[in-house]
Amino acid sequence: MGSENQNHALTASYTSPENAHFTITEHIPAPPSASVQDRTHYLDALRKAVTETQERINKELTMRMEEDKAREAASSGGAPARLGTEEDKEEEFYGEEVQDEEN
């Protein structure tokens, strides 16, 4: 197949004007052949890399959220700012898909 000794990469980058930037790269060895077994192993490795990348992204973003909260508290004289109702709801369901309920 010609993909021997090749690697594929899963990369996620974060940039912000107020927080430190980060890039996460997970290398995934290319399947040595086009066989179903090799492609299955490759997809399994890709799935694992996506999960690990998501976990690392969540940790990095949580750390930056805490930095933002600390910066906001410092700028308001040390008193923690109270989130609005919509922001409370957004933080409560962060990372989850929420269905809007219409009455």
PDB file of N, CA and C in Angstrom:
ATOM      1  N   MET A   1       0.823  -1.184   0.000  1.00  0.00           N
ATOM      2  CA  MET A   1       0.000   0.000   0.000  1.00  0.00           C
ATOM      3  C   MET A   1       0.870   1.250   0.000  1.00  0.00           C
ATOM      4  N   GLY A   2       2.015   1.383   0.326  1.00  0.00           N
ATOM      5  CA  GLY A   2       2.776   2.617   0.249  1.00  0.00           C
ATOM      6  C   GLY A   2       2.626   3.517   1.455  1.00  0.00           C
ATOM      7  N   SER A   3       1.923   3.087   2.510  1.00  0.00           N
ATOM      8  CA  SER A   3       1.778   3.936   3.696  1.00  0.00           C
ATOM      9  C   SER A   3       2.681   3.455   4.822  1.00  0.00           C
ATOM     10  N   GLU A   4       3.590   2.503   4.508  1.00  0.00           N
ATOM     11  CA  GLU A   4       4.490   2.028   5.555  1.00  0.00           C
ATOM     12  C   GLU A   4       5.309   3.199   6.087  1.00  0.00           C
ATOM     13  N   ASN A   5       5.585   3.160   7.358  1.00  0.00           N
ATOM     14  CA  ASN A   5       6.407   4.157   8.041  1.00  0.00           C
ATOM     15  C   ASN A   5       5.819   5.563   7.989  1.00  0.00           C
ATOM     16  N   GLN A   6       4.550   5.685   7.676  1.00  0.00           N
ATOM     17  CA  GLN A   6       3.900   6.981   7.697  1.00  0.00           C
ATOM     18  C   GLN A   6       3.062   7.090   8.963  1.00  0.00           C
ATOM     19  N   ASN A   7       2.929   8.300   9.427  1.00  0.00           N
ATOM     20  CA  ASN A   7       2.066   8.570  10.568  1.00  0.00           C
ATOM     21  C   ASN A   7       1.025   9.587  10.159  1.00  0.00           C
ATOM     22  N   HIS A   8      -0.116   9.468  10.725  1.00  0.00           N
ATOM     23  CA  HIS A   8      -1.145  10.485  10.589  1.00  0.00           C
ATOM     24  C   HIS A   8      -1.182  11.231  11.910  1.00  0.00           C
ATOM     25  N   ALA A   9      -1.667  12.447  11.892  1.00  0.00           N
ATOM     26  CA  ALA A   9      -1.707  13.234  13.120  1.00  0.00           C
ATOM     27  C   ALA A   9      -3.089  13.845  13.313  1.00  0.00           C
ATOM     28  N   LEU A  10      -3.534  13.828  14.554  1.00  0.00           N
ATOM     29  CA  LEU A  10      -4.747  14.514  14.972  1.00  0.00           C
ATOM     30  C   LEU A  10      -4.269  15.728  15.759  1.00  0.00           C
ATOM     31  N   THR A  11      -4.625  16.920  15.311  1.00  0.00           N
ATOM     32  CA  THR A  11      -4.123  18.136  15.936  1.00  0.00           C
ATOM     33  C   THR A  11      -5.272  19.069  16.298  1.00  0.00           C
ATOM     34  N   ALA A  12      -5.209  19.623  17.498  1.00  0.00           N
ATOM     35  CA  ALA A  12      -6.167  20.632  17.952  1.00  0.00           C
ATOM     36  C   ALA A  12      -5.369  21.828  18.460  1.00  0.00           C
ATOM     37  N   SER A  13      -5.761  23.012  18.032  1.00  0.00           N
ATOM     38  CA  SER A  13      -5.068  24.239  18.455  1.00  0.00           C
ATOM     39  C   SER A  13      -6.059  25.197  19.078  1.00  0.00           C
ATOM     40  N   TYR A  14      -5.601  25.926  20.088  1.00  0.00           N
ATOM     41  CA  TYR A  14      -6.417  26.915  20.780  1.00  0.00           C
ATOM     42  C   TYR A  14      -5.640  28.221  20.813  1.00  0.00           C
ATOM     43  N   THR A  15      -6.286  29.298  20.409  1.00  0.00           N
ATOM     44  CA  THR A  15      -5.680  30.615  20.516  1.00  0.00           C
ATOM     45  C   THR A  15      -6.671  31.550  21.185  1.00  0.00           C
ATOM     46  N   SER A  16      -6.124  32.461  21.945  1.00  0.00           N
ATOM     47  CA  SER A  16      -6.955  33.417  22.662  1.00  0.00           C
ATOM     48  C   SER A  16      -6.150  34.689  22.878  1.00  0.00           C
ATOM     49  N   PRO A  17      -6.797  35.842  22.817  1.00  0.00           N
ATOM     50  CA  PRO A  17      -6.065  37.072  23.088  1.00  0.00           C
ATOM     51  C   PRO A  17      -5.722  37.243  24.573  1.00  0.00           C
ATOM     52  N   GLU A  18      -6.381  36.478  25.446  1.00  0.00           N
ATOM     53  CA  GLU A  18      -6.183  36.678  26.876  1.00  0.00           C
ATOM     54  C   GLU A  18      -5.596  35.481  27.606  1.00  0.00           C
ATOM     55  N   ASN A  19      -5.541  34.317  26.974  1.00  0.00           N
ATOM     56  CA  ASN A  19      -5.021  33.119  27.629  1.00  0.00           C
ATOM     57  C   ASN A  19      -3.879  32.537  26.806  1.00  0.00           C
ATOM     58  N   ALA A  20      -3.107  31.685  27.454  1.00  0.00           N
ATOM     59  CA  ALA A  20      -2.011  31.023  26.758  1.00  0.00           C
ATOM     60  C   ALA A  20      -2.562  30.113  25.666  1.00  0.00           C
ATOM     61  N   HIS A  21      -1.870  30.091  24.550  1.00  0.00           N
ATOM     62  CA  HIS A  21      -2.257  29.234  23.435  1.00  0.00           C
ATOM     63  C   HIS A  21      -1.789  27.816  23.718  1.00  0.00           C
ATOM     64  N   PHE A  22      -2.439  26.837  23.091  1.00  0.00           N
ATOM     65  CA  PHE A  22      -1.933  25.472  23.171  1.00  0.00           C
ATOM     66  C   PHE A  22      -2.275  24.716  21.907  1.00  0.00           C
ATOM     67  N   THR A  23      -1.458  23.714  21.628  1.00  0.00           N
ATOM     68  CA  THR A  23      -1.681  22.804  20.514  1.00  0.00           C
ATOM     69  C   THR A  23      -1.475  21.400  21.042  1.00  0.00           C
ATOM     70  N   ILE A  24      -2.382  20.527  20.692  1.00  0.00           N
ATOM     71  CA  ILE A  24      -2.291  19.127  21.094  1.00  0.00           C
ATOM     72  C   ILE A  24      -2.209  18.305  19.817  1.00  0.00           C
ATOM     73  N   THR A  25      -1.220  17.430  19.749  1.00  0.00           N
ATOM     74  CA  THR A  25      -1.067  16.576  18.579  1.00  0.00           C
ATOM     75  C   THR A  25      -0.930  15.133  19.038  1.00  0.00           C
ATOM     76  N   GLU A  26      -1.742  14.279  18.466  1.00  0.00           N
ATOM     77  CA  GLU A  26      -1.669  12.840  18.705  1.00  0.00           C
ATOM     78  C   GLU A  26      -1.274  12.188  17.385  1.00  0.00           C
ATOM     79  N   HIS A  27      -0.204  11.420  17.405  1.00  0.00           N
ATOM     80  CA  HIS A  27       0.244  10.727  16.197  1.00  0.00           C
ATOM     81  C   HIS A  27      -0.379   9.339  16.154  1.00  0.00           C
ATOM     82  N   ILE A  28      -0.842   8.988  14.973  1.00  0.00           N
ATOM     83  CA  ILE A  28      -1.496   7.696  14.776  1.00  0.00           C
ATOM     84  C   ILE A  28      -0.778   6.996  13.625  1.00  0.00           C
ATOM     85  N   PRO A  29      -0.192   5.834  13.887  1.00  0.00           N
ATOM     86  CA  PRO A  29       0.498   5.123  12.802  1.00  0.00           C
ATOM     87  C   PRO A  29      -0.498   4.738  11.702  1.00  0.00           C
ATOM     88  N   ALA A  30      -0.087   4.962  10.474  1.00  0.00           N
ATOM     89  CA  ALA A  30      -0.935   4.589   9.343  1.00  0.00           C
ATOM     90  C   ALA A  30      -1.043   3.070   9.293  1.00  0.00           C
ATOM     91  N   PRO A  31      -2.165   2.567   8.821  1.00  0.00           N
ATOM     92  CA  PRO A  31      -2.293   1.109   8.724  1.00  0.00           C
ATOM     93  C   PRO A  31      -1.284   0.561   7.718  1.00  0.00           C
ATOM     94  N   PRO A  32      -0.629  -0.559   8.048  1.00  0.00           N
ATOM     95  CA  PRO A  32       0.384  -1.102   7.139  1.00  0.00           C
ATOM     96  C   PRO A  32      -0.200  -1.646   5.837  1.00  0.00           C
ATOM     97  N   SER A  33      -1.467  -1.966   5.833  1.00  0.00           N
ATOM     98  CA  SER A  33      -2.106  -2.459   4.611  1.00  0.00           C
ATOM     99  C   SER A  33      -3.565  -2.023   4.614  1.00  0.00           C
ATOM    100  N   ALA A  34      -4.254  -2.327   3.534  1.00  0.00           N
ATOM    101  CA  ALA A  34      -5.664  -1.966   3.420  1.00  0.00           C
ATOM    102  C   ALA A  34      -6.577  -3.080   3.922  1.00  0.00           C
ATOM    103  N   SER A  35      -6.007  -4.034   4.641  1.00  0.00           N
ATOM    104  CA  SER A  35      -6.837  -5.135   5.128  1.00  0.00           C
ATOM    105  C   SER A  35      -7.843  -4.619   6.153  1.00  0.00           C
ATOM    106  N   VAL A  36      -8.927  -5.327   6.274  1.00  0.00           N
ATOM    107  CA  VAL A  36      -9.966  -4.939   7.229  1.00  0.00           C
ATOM    108  C   VAL A  36      -9.396  -4.906   8.636  1.00  0.00           C
ATOM    109  N   GLN A  37      -8.587  -5.868   8.991  1.00  0.00           N
ATOM    110  CA  GLN A  37      -8.008  -5.921  10.335  1.00  0.00           C
ATOM    111  C   GLN A  37      -7.113  -4.701  10.597  1.00  0.00           C
ATOM    112  N   ASP A  38      -6.253  -4.349   9.639  1.00  0.00           N
ATOM    113  CA  ASP A  38      -5.376  -3.187   9.824  1.00  0.00           C
ATOM    114  C   ASP A  38      -6.182  -1.886   9.890  1.00  0.00           C
ATOM    115  N   ARG A  39      -7.188  -1.759   9.050  1.00  0.00           N
ATOM    116  CA  ARG A  39      -8.025  -0.554   9.098  1.00  0.00           C
ATOM    117  C   ARG A  39      -8.807  -0.486  10.399  1.00  0.00           C
ATOM    118  N   THR A  40      -9.243  -1.634  10.914  1.00  0.00           N
ATOM    119  CA  THR A  40      -9.955  -1.676  12.191  1.00  0.00           C
ATOM    120  C   THR A  40      -9.039  -1.231  13.326  1.00  0.00           C
ATOM    121  N   HIS A  41      -7.784  -1.703  13.319  1.00  0.00           N
ATOM    122  CA  HIS A  41      -6.822  -1.284  14.349  1.00  0.00           C
ATOM    123  C   HIS A  41      -6.538   0.217  14.246  1.00  0.00           C
ATOM    124  N   TYR A  42      -6.443   0.707  13.007  1.00  0.00           N
ATOM    125  CA  TYR A  42      -6.203   2.131  12.793  1.00  0.00           C
ATOM    126  C   TYR A  42      -7.372   2.958  13.342  1.00  0.00           C
ATOM    127  N   LEU A  43      -8.585   2.566  13.025  1.00  0.00           N
ATOM    128  CA  LEU A  43      -9.756   3.303  13.518  1.00  0.00           C
ATOM    129  C   LEU A  43      -9.872   3.241  15.026  1.00  0.00           C
ATOM    130  N   ASP A  44      -9.479   2.119  15.609  1.00  0.00           N
ATOM    131  CA  ASP A  44      -9.465   1.994  17.063  1.00  0.00           C
ATOM    132  C   ASP A  44      -8.445   2.967  17.665  1.00  0.00           C
ATOM    133  N   ALA A  45      -7.260   3.056  17.048  1.00  0.00           N
ATOM    134  CA  ALA A  45      -6.235   3.993  17.522  1.00  0.00           C
ATOM    135  C   ALA A  45      -6.708   5.434  17.342  1.00  0.00           C
ATOM    136  N   LEU A  46      -7.389   5.711  16.235  1.00  0.00           N
ATOM    137  CA  LEU A  46      -7.910   7.051  16.003  1.00  0.00           C
ATOM    138  C   LEU A  46      -8.961   7.414  17.047  1.00  0.00           C
ATOM    139  N   ARG A  47      -9.854   6.502  17.337  1.00  0.00           N
ATOM    140  CA  ARG A  47     -10.899   6.737  18.353  1.00  0.00           C
ATOM    141  C   ARG A  47     -10.253   7.022  19.711  1.00  0.00           C
ATOM    142  N   LYS A  48      -9.234   6.256  20.069  1.00  0.00           N
ATOM    143  CA  LYS A  48      -8.526   6.463  21.332  1.00  0.00           C
ATOM    144  C   LYS A  48      -7.844   7.833  21.346  1.00  0.00           C
ATOM    145  N   ALA A  49      -7.233   8.210  20.222  1.00  0.00           N
ATOM    146  CA  ALA A  49      -6.562   9.507  20.135  1.00  0.00           C
ATOM    147  C   ALA A  49      -7.560  10.651  20.276  1.00  0.00           C
ATOM    148  N   VAL A  50      -8.739  10.523  19.683  1.00  0.00           N
ATOM    149  CA  VAL A  50      -9.764  11.556  19.790  1.00  0.00           C
ATOM    150  C   VAL A  50     -10.209  11.706  21.245  1.00  0.00           C
ATOM    151  N   THR A  51     -10.433  10.589  21.920  1.00  0.00           N
ATOM    152  CA  THR A  51     -10.857  10.625  23.322  1.00  0.00           C
ATOM    153  C   THR A  51      -9.788  11.269  24.195  1.00  0.00           C
ATOM    154  N   GLU A  52      -8.533  10.872  24.004  1.00  0.00           N
ATOM    155  CA  GLU A  52      -7.437  11.452  24.794  1.00  0.00           C
ATOM    156  C   GLU A  52      -7.275  12.939  24.505  1.00  0.00           C
ATOM    157  N   THR A  53      -7.409  13.313  23.237  1.00  0.00           N
ATOM    158  CA  THR A  53      -7.302  14.722  22.869  1.00  0.00           C
ATOM    159  C   THR A  53      -8.424  15.533  23.515  1.00  0.00           C
ATOM    160  N   GLN A  54      -9.635  15.017  23.491  1.00  0.00           N
ATOM    161  CA  GLN A  54     -10.765  15.714  24.113  1.00  0.00           C
ATOM    162  C   GLN A  54     -10.547  15.898  25.613  1.00  0.00           C
ATOM    163  N   GLU A  55     -10.022  14.876  26.275  1.00  0.00           N
ATOM    164  CA  GLU A  55      -9.738  14.986  27.708  1.00  0.00           C
ATOM    165  C   GLU A  55      -8.692  16.068  27.973  1.00  0.00           C
ATOM    166  N   ARG A  56      -7.650  16.107  27.158  1.00  0.00           N
ATOM    167  CA  ARG A  56      -6.610  17.123  27.337  1.00  0.00           C
ATOM    168  C   ARG A  56      -7.154  18.520  27.049  1.00  0.00           C
ATOM    169  N   ILE A  57      -7.992  18.636  26.018  1.00  0.00           N
ATOM    170  CA  ILE A  57      -8.603  19.929  25.696  1.00  0.00           C
ATOM    171  C   ILE A  57      -9.466  20.396  26.864  1.00  0.00           C
ATOM    172  N   ASN A  58     -10.277  19.504  27.409  1.00  0.00           N
ATOM    173  CA  ASN A  58     -11.135  19.870  28.541  1.00  0.00           C
ATOM    174  C   ASN A  58     -10.318  20.360  29.727  1.00  0.00           C
ATOM    175  N   LYS A  59      -9.207  19.686  30.039  1.00  0.00           N
ATOM    176  CA  LYS A  59      -8.344  20.116  31.148  1.00  0.00           C
ATOM    177  C   LYS A  59      -7.754  21.495  30.872  1.00  0.00           C
ATOM    178  N   GLU A  60      -7.266  21.687  29.643  1.00  0.00           N
ATOM    179  CA  GLU A  60      -6.679  22.983  29.289  1.00  0.00           C
ATOM    180  C   GLU A  60      -7.718  24.100  29.361  1.00  0.00           C
ATOM    181  N   LEU A  61      -8.905  23.853  28.824  1.00  0.00           N
ATOM    182  CA  LEU A  61      -9.938  24.897  28.835  1.00  0.00           C
ATOM    183  C   LEU A  61     -10.460  25.177  30.242  1.00  0.00           C
ATOM    184  N   THR A  62     -10.552  24.143  31.066  1.00  0.00           N
ATOM    185  CA  THR A  62     -10.958  24.351  32.458  1.00  0.00           C
ATOM    186  C   THR A  62      -9.936  25.218  33.172  1.00  0.00           C
ATOM    187  N   MET A  63      -8.669  24.956  32.934  1.00  0.00           N
ATOM    188  CA  MET A  63      -7.610  25.755  33.542  1.00  0.00           C
ATOM    189  C   MET A  63      -7.729  27.219  33.095  1.00  0.00           C
ATOM    190  N   ARG A  64      -8.013  27.435  31.829  1.00  0.00           N
ATOM    191  CA  ARG A  64      -8.148  28.797  31.329  1.00  0.00           C
ATOM    192  C   ARG A  64      -9.409  29.474  31.865  1.00  0.00           C
ATOM    193  N   MET A  65     -10.480  28.706  32.052  1.00  0.00           N
ATOM    194  CA  MET A  65     -11.696  29.263  32.660  1.00  0.00           C
ATOM    195  C   MET A  65     -11.398  29.741  34.080  1.00  0.00           C
ATOM    196  N   GLU A  66     -10.635  28.940  34.824  1.00  0.00           N
ATOM    197  CA  GLU A  66     -10.261  29.335  36.179  1.00  0.00           C
ATOM    198  C   GLU A  66      -9.397  30.589  36.166  1.00  0.00           C
ATOM    199  N   GLU A  67      -8.482  30.687  35.194  1.00  0.00           N
ATOM    200  CA  GLU A  67      -7.662  31.893  35.060  1.00  0.00           C
ATOM    201  C   GLU A  67      -8.546  33.105  34.781  1.00  0.00           C
ATOM    202  N   ASP A  68      -9.538  32.937  33.898  1.00  0.00           N
ATOM    203  CA  ASP A  68     -10.458  34.034  33.583  1.00  0.00           C
ATOM    204  C   ASP A  68     -11.238  34.466  34.820  1.00  0.00           C
ATOM    205  N   LYS A  69     -11.721  33.488  35.595  1.00  0.00           N
ATOM    206  CA  LYS A  69     -12.465  33.806  36.820  1.00  0.00           C
ATOM    207  C   LYS A  69     -11.579  34.546  37.815  1.00  0.00           C
ATOM    208  N   ALA A  70     -10.331  34.103  37.959  1.00  0.00           N
ATOM    209  CA  ALA A  70      -9.413  34.766  38.883  1.00  0.00           C
ATOM    210  C   ALA A  70      -9.114  36.184  38.410  1.00  0.00           C
ATOM    211  N   ARG A  71      -8.925  36.354  37.116  1.00  0.00           N
ATOM    212  CA  ARG A  71      -8.658  37.679  36.564  1.00  0.00           C
ATOM    213  C   ARG A  71      -9.868  38.597  36.770  1.00  0.00           C
ATOM    214  N   GLU A  72     -11.078  38.047  36.567  1.00  0.00           N
ATOM    215  CA  GLU A  72     -12.308  38.820  36.760  1.00  0.00           C
ATOM    216  C   GLU A  72     -12.485  39.200  38.231  1.00  0.00           C
ATOM    217  N   ALA A  73     -12.184  38.264  39.129  1.00  0.00           N
ATOM    218  CA  ALA A  73     -12.305  38.547  40.562  1.00  0.00           C
ATOM    219  C   ALA A  73     -11.305  39.625  40.975  1.00  0.00           C
ATOM    220  N   ALA A  74     -10.097  39.553  40.429  1.00  0.00           N
ATOM    221  CA  ALA A  74      -9.081  40.552  40.768  1.00  0.00           C
ATOM    222  C   ALA A  74      -9.482  41.933  40.261  1.00  0.00           C
ATOM    223  N   SER A  75     -10.108  41.979  39.091  1.00  0.00           N
ATOM    224  CA  SER A  75     -10.494  43.278  38.536  1.00  0.00           C
ATOM    225  C   SER A  75     -11.728  43.857  39.235  1.00  0.00           C
ATOM    226  N   SER A  76     -12.491  43.007  39.941  1.00  0.00           N
ATOM    227  CA  SER A  76     -13.669  43.515  40.644  1.00  0.00           C
ATOM    228  C   SER A  76     -13.395  43.657  42.143  1.00  0.00           C
ATOM    229  N   GLY A  77     -12.141  43.801  42.493  1.00  0.00           N
ATOM    230  CA  GLY A  77     -11.784  44.042  43.886  1.00  0.00           C
ATOM    231  C   GLY A  77     -11.785  42.790  44.744  1.00  0.00           C
ATOM    232  N   GLY A  78     -11.634  41.634  44.144  1.00  0.00           N
ATOM    233  CA  GLY A  78     -11.557  40.393  44.903  1.00  0.00           C
ATOM    234  C   GLY A  78     -12.884  39.697  45.107  1.00  0.00           C
ATOM    235  N   ALA A  79     -13.987  40.369  44.827  1.00  0.00           N
ATOM    236  CA  ALA A  79     -15.293  39.724  44.987  1.00  0.00           C
ATOM    237  C   ALA A  79     -15.599  38.910  43.739  1.00  0.00           C
ATOM    238  N   PRO A  80     -15.925  37.648  43.895  1.00  0.00           N
ATOM    239  CA  PRO A  80     -16.237  36.860  42.706  1.00  0.00           C
ATOM    240  C   PRO A  80     -17.495  37.381  42.027  1.00  0.00           C
ATOM    241  N   ALA A  81     -17.419  37.493  40.721  1.00  0.00           N
ATOM    242  CA  ALA A  81     -18.566  37.993  39.971  1.00  0.00           C
ATOM    243  C   ALA A  81     -19.639  36.919  39.909  1.00  0.00           C
ATOM    244  N   ARG A  82     -20.879  37.321  39.990  1.00  0.00           N
ATOM    245  CA  ARG A  82     -22.010  36.395  39.927  1.00  0.00           C
ATOM    246  C   ARG A  82     -22.393  36.214  38.469  1.00  0.00           C
ATOM    247  N   LEU A  83     -22.493  34.977  38.056  1.00  0.00           N
ATOM    248  CA  LEU A  83     -22.883  34.700  36.686  1.00  0.00           C
ATOM    249  C   LEU A  83     -24.369  34.963  36.513  1.00  0.00           C
ATOM    250  N   GLY A  84     -24.745  35.389  35.330  1.00  0.00           N
ATOM    251  CA  GLY A  84     -26.152  35.582  35.015  1.00  0.00           C
ATOM    252  C   GLY A  84     -26.824  34.231  34.868  1.00  0.00           C
ATOM    253  N   THR A  85     -28.134  34.234  34.834  1.00  0.00           N
ATOM    254  CA  THR A  85     -28.903  32.988  34.744  1.00  0.00           C
ATOM    255  C   THR A  85     -28.499  32.176  33.525  1.00  0.00           C
ATOM    256  N   GLU A  86     -28.371  32.817  32.373  1.00  0.00           N
ATOM    257  CA  GLU A  86     -27.985  32.102  31.155  1.00  0.00           C
ATOM    258  C   GLU A  86     -26.582  31.528  31.288  1.00  0.00           C
ATOM    259  N   GLU A  87     -25.655  32.266  31.873  1.00  0.00           N
ATOM    260  CA  GLU A  87     -24.294  31.781  32.051  1.00  0.00           C
ATOM    261  C   GLU A  87     -24.247  30.626  33.048  1.00  0.00           C
ATOM    262  N   ASP A  88     -25.077  30.702  34.105  1.00  0.00           N
ATOM    263  CA  ASP A  88     -25.162  29.591  35.056  1.00  0.00           C
ATOM    264  C   ASP A  88     -25.611  28.326  34.346  1.00  0.00           C
ATOM    265  N   LYS A  89     -26.655  28.467  33.523  1.00  0.00           N
ATOM    266  CA  LYS A  89     -27.203  27.322  32.796  1.00  0.00           C
ATOM    267  C   LYS A  89     -26.169  26.768  31.822  1.00  0.00           C
ATOM    268  N   GLU A  90     -25.452  27.667  31.124  1.00  0.00           N
ATOM    269  CA  GLU A  90     -24.439  27.252  30.161  1.00  0.00           C
ATOM    270  C   GLU A  90     -23.320  26.480  30.857  1.00  0.00           C
ATOM    271  N   GLU A  91     -22.863  26.971  32.007  1.00  0.00           N
ATOM    272  CA  GLU A  91     -21.788  26.286  32.716  1.00  0.00           C
ATOM    273  C   GLU A  91     -22.257  24.949  33.273  1.00  0.00           C
ATOM    274  N   GLU A  92     -23.498  24.876  33.730  1.00  0.00           N
ATOM    275  CA  GLU A  92     -24.029  23.634  34.283  1.00  0.00           C
ATOM    276  C   GLU A  92     -24.040  22.520  33.243  1.00  0.00           C
ATOM    277  N   PHE A  93     -24.339  22.873  32.005  1.00  0.00           N
ATOM    278  CA  PHE A  93     -24.441  21.876  30.943  1.00  0.00           C
ATOM    279  C   PHE A  93     -23.259  21.933  29.976  1.00  0.00           C
ATOM    280  N   TYR A  94     -22.132  22.487  30.409  1.00  0.00           N
ATOM    281  CA  TYR A  94     -20.963  22.630  29.549  1.00  0.00           C
ATOM    282  C   TYR A  94     -20.567  21.285  28.949  1.00  0.00           C
ATOM    283  N   GLY A  95     -20.422  21.239  27.640  1.00  0.00           N
ATOM    284  CA  GLY A  95     -20.006  20.013  26.968  1.00  0.00           C
ATOM    285  C   GLY A  95     -21.126  19.053  26.681  1.00  0.00           C
ATOM    286  N   GLU A  96     -22.333  19.374  27.065  1.00  0.00           N
ATOM    287  CA  GLU A  96     -23.474  18.496  26.830  1.00  0.00           C
ATOM    288  C   GLU A  96     -24.431  19.191  25.869  1.00  0.00           C
ATOM    289  N   GLU A  97     -25.063  18.398  25.067  1.00  0.00           N
ATOM    290  CA  GLU A  97     -26.054  18.947  24.167  1.00  0.00           C
ATOM    291  C   GLU A  97     -27.370  19.087  24.919  1.00  0.00           C
ATOM    292  N   VAL A  98     -27.916  20.281  24.935  1.00  0.00           N
ATOM    293  CA  VAL A  98     -29.147  20.545  25.679  1.00  0.00           C
ATOM    294  C   VAL A  98     -30.241  20.894  24.691  1.00  0.00           C
ATOM    295  N   GLN A  99     -31.373  20.258  24.851  1.00  0.00           N
ATOM    296  CA  GLN A  99     -32.526  20.542  23.996  1.00  0.00           C
ATOM    297  C   GLN A  99     -33.327  21.680  24.618  1.00  0.00           C
ATOM    298  N   ASP A 100     -33.656  22.665  23.795  1.00  0.00           N
ATOM    299  CA  ASP A 100     -34.508  23.756  24.284  1.00  0.00           C
ATOM    300  C   ASP A 100     -35.934  23.253  24.420  1.00  0.00           C
ATOM    301  N   GLU A 101     -36.548  23.620  25.510  1.00  0.00           N
ATOM    302  CA  GLU A 101     -37.945  23.235  25.725  1.00  0.00           C
ATOM    303  C   GLU A 101     -38.818  24.422  25.382  1.00  0.00           C
ATOM    304  N   GLU A 102     -39.744  24.208  24.481  1.00  0.00           N
ATOM    305  CA  GLU A 102     -40.660  25.277  24.105  1.00  0.00           C
ATOM    306  C   GLU A 102     -42.029  24.952  24.645  1.00  0.00           C
ATOM    307  N   ASN A 103     -42.657  25.927  25.286  1.00  0.00           N
ATOM    308  CA  ASN A 103     -43.992  25.732  25.847  1.00  0.00           C
ATOM    309  C   ASN A 103     -45.043  26.296  24.936  1.00  0.00           C
TER     310      ASN A 103
END
